[in-house]
Amino acid sequence: MDRTARQELEDGLNFQYVRLYNVNPTSHEFNFDAWAKAVREQLLAVLSKQQTDKSDGAEG
């Protein structure tokens, strides 16, 4: 994974963590199932984008 993809993934995961934690700020409970799903979706999106970028580069 190149540096840009890694940074994009980290930024996305940090955003998802904060977003899910702040759903109910009065409760200190954290929805780990929702976060795990968001992590998976973010990772797949970054990997898919990276594959698309490689494919575009190979054609050009």
PDB file of N, CA and C in Angstrom:
ATOM      1  N   MET A   1       0.858  -1.172   0.000  1.00  0.00           N
ATOM      2  CA  MET A   1       0.000   0.000   0.000  1.00  0.00           C
ATOM      3  C   MET A   1       0.904   1.235   0.000  1.00  0.00           C
ATOM      4  N   ASP A   2       0.687   2.115  -0.953  1.00  0.00           N
ATOM      5  CA  ASP A   2       1.541   3.291  -1.014  1.00  0.00           C
ATOM      6  C   ASP A   2       1.149   4.310   0.057  1.00  0.00           C
ATOM      7  N   ARG A   3       1.987   5.317   0.208  1.00  0.00           N
ATOM      8  CA  ARG A   3       1.808   6.297   1.284  1.00  0.00           C
ATOM      9  C   ARG A   3       0.479   7.048   1.168  1.00  0.00           C
ATOM     10  N   THR A   4       0.092   7.428  -0.044  1.00  0.00           N
ATOM     11  CA  THR A   4      -1.156   8.164  -0.239  1.00  0.00           C
ATOM     12  C   THR A   4      -2.356   7.318   0.164  1.00  0.00           C
ATOM     13  N   ALA A   5      -2.371   6.065  -0.267  1.00  0.00           N
ATOM     14  CA  ALA A   5      -3.480   5.171   0.080  1.00  0.00           C
ATOM     15  C   ALA A   5      -3.529   4.942   1.585  1.00  0.00           C
ATOM     16  N   ARG A   6      -2.373   4.791   2.192  1.00  0.00           N
ATOM     17  CA  ARG A   6      -2.321   4.575   3.643  1.00  0.00           C
ATOM     18  C   ARG A   6      -2.870   5.793   4.381  1.00  0.00           C
ATOM     19  N   GLN A   7      -2.474   6.993   3.961  1.00  0.00           N
ATOM     20  CA  GLN A   7      -2.952   8.213   4.605  1.00  0.00           C
ATOM     21  C   GLN A   7      -4.457   8.371   4.408  1.00  0.00           C
ATOM     22  N   GLU A   8      -4.925   8.051   3.215  1.00  0.00           N
ATOM     23  CA  GLU A   8      -6.355   8.127   2.916  1.00  0.00           C
ATOM     24  C   GLU A   8      -7.133   7.167   3.812  1.00  0.00           C
ATOM     25  N   LEU A   9      -6.597   5.983   4.000  1.00  0.00           N
ATOM     26  CA  LEU A   9      -7.237   4.992   4.862  1.00  0.00           C
ATOM     27  C   LEU A   9      -7.255   5.470   6.311  1.00  0.00           C
ATOM     28  N   GLU A  10      -6.129   5.973   6.800  1.00  0.00           N
ATOM     29  CA  GLU A  10      -6.056   6.454   8.182  1.00  0.00           C
ATOM     30  C   GLU A  10      -7.022   7.611   8.412  1.00  0.00           C
ATOM     31  N   ASP A  11      -7.079   8.549   7.479  1.00  0.00           N
ATOM     32  CA  ASP A  11      -7.998   9.682   7.613  1.00  0.00           C
ATOM     33  C   ASP A  11      -9.443   9.203   7.660  1.00  0.00           C
ATOM     34  N   GLY A  12      -9.768   8.266   6.776  1.00  0.00           N
ATOM     35  CA  GLY A  12     -11.127   7.734   6.745  1.00  0.00           C
ATOM     36  C   GLY A  12     -11.493   7.012   8.023  1.00  0.00           C
ATOM     37  N   LEU A  13     -10.573   6.232   8.555  1.00  0.00           N
ATOM     38  CA  LEU A  13     -10.842   5.490   9.786  1.00  0.00           C
ATOM     39  C   LEU A  13     -10.984   6.429  10.973  1.00  0.00           C
ATOM     40  N   ASN A  14     -10.162   7.455  11.034  1.00  0.00           N
ATOM     41  CA  ASN A  14     -10.280   8.432  12.115  1.00  0.00           C
ATOM     42  C   ASN A  14     -11.631   9.130  12.055  1.00  0.00           C
ATOM     43  N   PHE A  15     -12.061   9.491  10.845  1.00  0.00           N
ATOM     44  CA  PHE A  15     -13.359  10.134  10.675  1.00  0.00           C
ATOM     45  C   PHE A  15     -14.479   9.202  11.122  1.00  0.00           C
ATOM     46  N   GLN A  16     -14.418   7.942  10.704  1.00  0.00           N
ATOM     47  CA  GLN A  16     -15.457   6.980  11.075  1.00  0.00           C
ATOM     48  C   GLN A  16     -15.505   6.791  12.590  1.00  0.00           C
ATOM     49  N   TYR A  17     -14.342   6.743  13.223  1.00  0.00           N
ATOM     50  CA  TYR A  17     -14.290   6.546  14.673  1.00  0.00           C
ATOM     51  C   TYR A  17     -14.975   7.701  15.391  1.00  0.00           C
ATOM     52  N   VAL A  18     -14.616   8.912  15.002  1.00  0.00           N
ATOM     53  CA  VAL A  18     -15.192  10.098  15.643  1.00  0.00           C
ATOM     54  C   VAL A  18     -16.690  10.174  15.371  1.00  0.00           C
ATOM     55  N   ARG A  19     -17.082   9.912  14.135  1.00  0.00           N
ATOM     56  CA  ARG A  19     -18.498   9.986  13.761  1.00  0.00           C
ATOM     57  C   ARG A  19     -19.320   8.989  14.571  1.00  0.00           C
ATOM     58  N   LEU A  20     -18.861   7.760  14.674  1.00  0.00           N
ATOM     59  CA  LEU A  20     -19.622   6.743  15.392  1.00  0.00           C
ATOM     60  C   LEU A  20     -19.605   6.982  16.896  1.00  0.00           C
ATOM     61  N   TYR A  21     -18.519   7.513  17.411  1.00  0.00           N
ATOM     62  CA  TYR A  21     -18.441   7.763  18.851  1.00  0.00           C
ATOM     63  C   TYR A  21     -19.378   8.896  19.250  1.00  0.00           C
ATOM     64  N   ASN A  22     -19.532   9.861  18.347  1.00  0.00           N
ATOM     65  CA  ASN A  22     -20.342  11.037  18.661  1.00  0.00           C
ATOM     66  C   ASN A  22     -21.825  10.863  18.355  1.00  0.00           C
ATOM     67  N   VAL A  23     -22.236   9.672  17.950  1.00  0.00           N
ATOM     68  CA  VAL A  23     -23.653   9.430  17.691  1.00  0.00           C
ATOM     69  C   VAL A  23     -24.456   9.697  18.964  1.00  0.00           C
ATOM     70  N   ASN A  24     -23.931   9.273  20.088  1.00  0.00           N
ATOM     71  CA  ASN A  24     -24.596   9.499  21.366  1.00  0.00           C
ATOM     72  C   ASN A  24     -23.545   9.952  22.375  1.00  0.00           C
ATOM     73  N   PRO A  25     -23.188  11.252  22.340  1.00  0.00           N
ATOM     74  CA  PRO A  25     -22.098  11.746  23.187  1.00  0.00           C
ATOM     75  C   PRO A  25     -22.372  11.662  24.685  1.00  0.00           C
ATOM     76  N   THR A  26     -23.646  11.547  25.091  1.00  0.00           N
ATOM     77  CA  THR A  26     -23.928  11.442  26.523  1.00  0.00           C
ATOM     78  C   THR A  26     -23.634  10.036  27.035  1.00  0.00           C
ATOM     79  N   SER A  27     -23.585   9.084  26.127  1.00  0.00           N
ATOM     80  CA  SER A  27     -23.269   7.706  26.500  1.00  0.00           C
ATOM     81  C   SER A  27     -21.818   7.437  26.141  1.00  0.00           C
ATOM     82  N   HIS A  28     -21.111   6.774  27.012  1.00  0.00           N
ATOM     83  CA  HIS A  28     -19.713   6.466  26.715  1.00  0.00           C
ATOM     84  C   HIS A  28     -19.582   5.098  26.053  1.00  0.00           C
ATOM     85  N   GLU A  29     -20.715   4.572  25.612  1.00  0.00           N
ATOM     86  CA  GLU A  29     -20.687   3.301  24.900  1.00  0.00           C
ATOM     87  C   GLU A  29     -20.262   3.556  23.461  1.00  0.00           C
ATOM     88  N   PHE A  30     -19.539   2.637  22.930  1.00  0.00           N
ATOM     89  CA  PHE A  30     -19.075   2.757  21.546  1.00  0.00           C
ATOM     90  C   PHE A  30     -19.567   1.540  20.781  1.00  0.00           C
ATOM     91  N   ASN A  31     -20.125   1.773  19.619  1.00  0.00           N
ATOM     92  CA  ASN A  31     -20.670   0.683  18.816  1.00  0.00           C
ATOM     93  C   ASN A  31     -19.556   0.061  17.978  1.00  0.00           C
ATOM     94  N   PHE A  32     -18.917  -0.959  18.529  1.00  0.00           N
ATOM     95  CA  PHE A  32     -17.782  -1.582  17.835  1.00  0.00           C
ATOM     96  C   PHE A  32     -18.212  -2.336  16.581  1.00  0.00           C
ATOM     97  N   ASP A  33     -19.421  -2.886  16.585  1.00  0.00           N
ATOM     98  CA  ASP A  33     -19.897  -3.579  15.385  1.00  0.00           C
ATOM     99  C   ASP A  33     -20.034  -2.603  14.222  1.00  0.00           C
ATOM    100  N   ALA A  34     -20.611  -1.448  14.497  1.00  0.00           N
ATOM    101  CA  ALA A  34     -20.764  -0.436  13.446  1.00  0.00           C
ATOM    102  C   ALA A  34     -19.400   0.065  12.993  1.00  0.00           C
ATOM    103  N   TRP A  35     -18.475   0.230  13.944  1.00  0.00           N
ATOM    104  CA  TRP A  35     -17.143   0.714  13.574  1.00  0.00           C
ATOM    105  C   TRP A  35     -16.417  -0.329  12.729  1.00  0.00           C
ATOM    106  N   ALA A  36     -16.529  -1.591  13.105  1.00  0.00           N
ATOM    107  CA  ALA A  36     -15.876  -2.652  12.336  1.00  0.00           C
ATOM    108  C   ALA A  36     -16.413  -2.686  10.908  1.00  0.00           C
ATOM    109  N   LYS A  37     -17.708  -2.498  10.757  1.00  0.00           N
ATOM    110  CA  LYS A  37     -18.300  -2.464   9.416  1.00  0.00           C
ATOM    111  C   LYS A  37     -17.770  -1.253   8.639  1.00  0.00           C
ATOM    112  N   ALA A  38     -17.686  -0.107   9.302  1.00  0.00           N
ATOM    113  CA  ALA A  38     -17.175   1.102   8.650  1.00  0.00           C
ATOM    114  C   ALA A  38     -15.706   0.936   8.266  1.00  0.00           C
ATOM    115  N   VAL A  39     -14.929   0.291   9.127  1.00  0.00           N
ATOM    116  CA  VAL A  39     -13.512   0.036   8.838  1.00  0.00           C
ATOM    117  C   VAL A  39     -13.393  -0.832   7.597  1.00  0.00           C
ATOM    118  N   ARG A  40     -14.187  -1.874   7.534  1.00  0.00           N
ATOM    119  CA  ARG A  40     -14.156  -2.784   6.384  1.00  0.00           C
ATOM    120  C   ARG A  40     -14.517  -2.039   5.099  1.00  0.00           C
ATOM    121  N   GLU A  41     -15.578  -1.236   5.155  1.00  0.00           N
ATOM    122  CA  GLU A  41     -16.004  -0.490   3.970  1.00  0.00           C
ATOM    123  C   GLU A  41     -14.930   0.500   3.529  1.00  0.00           C
ATOM    124  N   GLN A  42     -14.308   1.171   4.502  1.00  0.00           N
ATOM    125  CA  GLN A  42     -13.264   2.149   4.182  1.00  0.00           C
ATOM    126  C   GLN A  42     -12.059   1.457   3.551  1.00  0.00           C
ATOM    127  N   LEU A  43     -11.664   0.334   4.109  1.00  0.00           N
ATOM    128  CA  LEU A  43     -10.526  -0.411   3.578  1.00  0.00           C
ATOM    129  C   LEU A  43     -10.809  -0.893   2.156  1.00  0.00           C
ATOM    130  N   LEU A  44     -11.988  -1.444   1.934  1.00  0.00           N
ATOM    131  CA  LEU A  44     -12.346  -1.913   0.597  1.00  0.00           C
ATOM    132  C   LEU A  44     -12.381  -0.760  -0.402  1.00  0.00           C
ATOM    133  N   ALA A  45     -12.874   0.400   0.020  1.00  0.00           N
ATOM    134  CA  ALA A  45     -12.931   1.557  -0.873  1.00  0.00           C
ATOM    135  C   ALA A  45     -11.529   2.007  -1.273  1.00  0.00           C
ATOM    136  N   VAL A  46     -10.619   2.052  -0.310  1.00  0.00           N
ATOM    137  CA  VAL A  46      -9.247   2.477  -0.602  1.00  0.00           C
ATOM    138  C   VAL A  46      -8.552   1.461  -1.500  1.00  0.00           C
ATOM    139  N   LEU A  47      -8.712   0.187  -1.195  1.00  0.00           N
ATOM    140  CA  LEU A  47      -8.078  -0.846  -2.014  1.00  0.00           C
ATOM    141  C   LEU A  47      -8.656  -0.863  -3.428  1.00  0.00           C
ATOM    142  N   SER A  48      -9.948  -0.673  -3.545  1.00  0.00           N
ATOM    143  CA  SER A  48     -10.594  -0.637  -4.854  1.00  0.00           C
ATOM    144  C   SER A  48     -10.088   0.553  -5.660  1.00  0.00           C
ATOM    145  N   LYS A  49      -9.969   1.700  -5.005  1.00  0.00           N
ATOM    146  CA  LYS A  49      -9.468   2.904  -5.674  1.00  0.00           C
ATOM    147  C   LYS A  49      -8.026   2.695  -6.120  1.00  0.00           C
ATOM    148  N   GLN A  50      -7.243   2.052  -5.274  1.00  0.00           N
ATOM    149  CA  GLN A  50      -5.843   1.796  -5.607  1.00  0.00           C
ATOM    150  C   GLN A  50      -5.750   0.871  -6.826  1.00  0.00           C
ATOM    151  N   GLN A  51      -6.588  -0.156  -6.880  1.00  0.00           N
ATOM    152  CA  GLN A  51      -6.605  -1.061  -8.031  1.00  0.00           C
ATOM    153  C   GLN A  51      -7.019  -0.319  -9.294  1.00  0.00           C
ATOM    154  N   THR A  52      -8.023   0.558  -9.176  1.00  0.00           N
ATOM    155  CA  THR A  52      -8.486   1.345 -10.321  1.00  0.00           C
ATOM    156  C   THR A  52      -7.377   2.257 -10.812  1.00  0.00           C
ATOM    157  N   ASP A  53      -6.675   2.895  -9.880  1.00  0.00           N
ATOM    158  CA  ASP A  53      -5.566   3.781 -10.252  1.00  0.00           C
ATOM    159  C   ASP A  53      -4.480   3.003 -10.982  1.00  0.00           C
ATOM    160  N   LYS A  54      -4.178   1.796 -10.518  1.00  0.00           N
ATOM    161  CA  LYS A  54      -3.159   0.971 -11.176  1.00  0.00           C
ATOM    162  C   LYS A  54      -3.620   0.581 -12.577  1.00  0.00           C
ATOM    163  N   SER A  55      -4.891   0.228 -12.712  1.00  0.00           N
ATOM    164  CA  SER A  55      -5.438  -0.152 -14.017  1.00  0.00           C
ATOM    165  C   SER A  55      -5.380   1.023 -14.983  1.00  0.00           C
ATOM    166  N   ASP A  56      -5.746   2.199 -14.510  1.00  0.00           N
ATOM    167  CA  ASP A  56      -5.704   3.396 -15.353  1.00  0.00           C
ATOM    168  C   ASP A  56      -4.282   3.692 -15.789  1.00  0.00           C
ATOM    169  N   GLY A  57      -3.334   3.500 -14.885  1.00  0.00           N
ATOM    170  CA  GLY A  57      -1.927   3.744 -15.206  1.00  0.00           C
ATOM    171  C   GLY A  57      -1.399   2.754 -16.220  1.00  0.00           C
ATOM    172  N   ALA A  58      -1.860   1.526 -16.152  1.00  0.00           N
ATOM    173  CA  ALA A  58      -1.391   0.492 -17.075  1.00  0.00           C
ATOM    174  C   ALA A  58      -1.898   0.740 -18.495  1.00  0.00           C
ATOM    175  N   GLU A  59      -3.100   1.308 -18.582  1.00  0.00           N
ATOM    176  CA  GLU A  59      -3.671   1.568 -19.904  1.00  0.00           C
ATOM    177  C   GLU A  59      -3.008   2.752 -20.572  1.00  0.00           C
ATOM    178  N   GLY A  60      -2.592   3.728 -19.768  1.00  0.00           N
ATOM    179  CA  GLY A  60      -2.055   4.960 -20.322  1.00  0.00           C
ATOM    180  C   GLY A  60      -0.661   4.838 -20.642  1.00  0.00           C
TER     181      GLY A  60
END
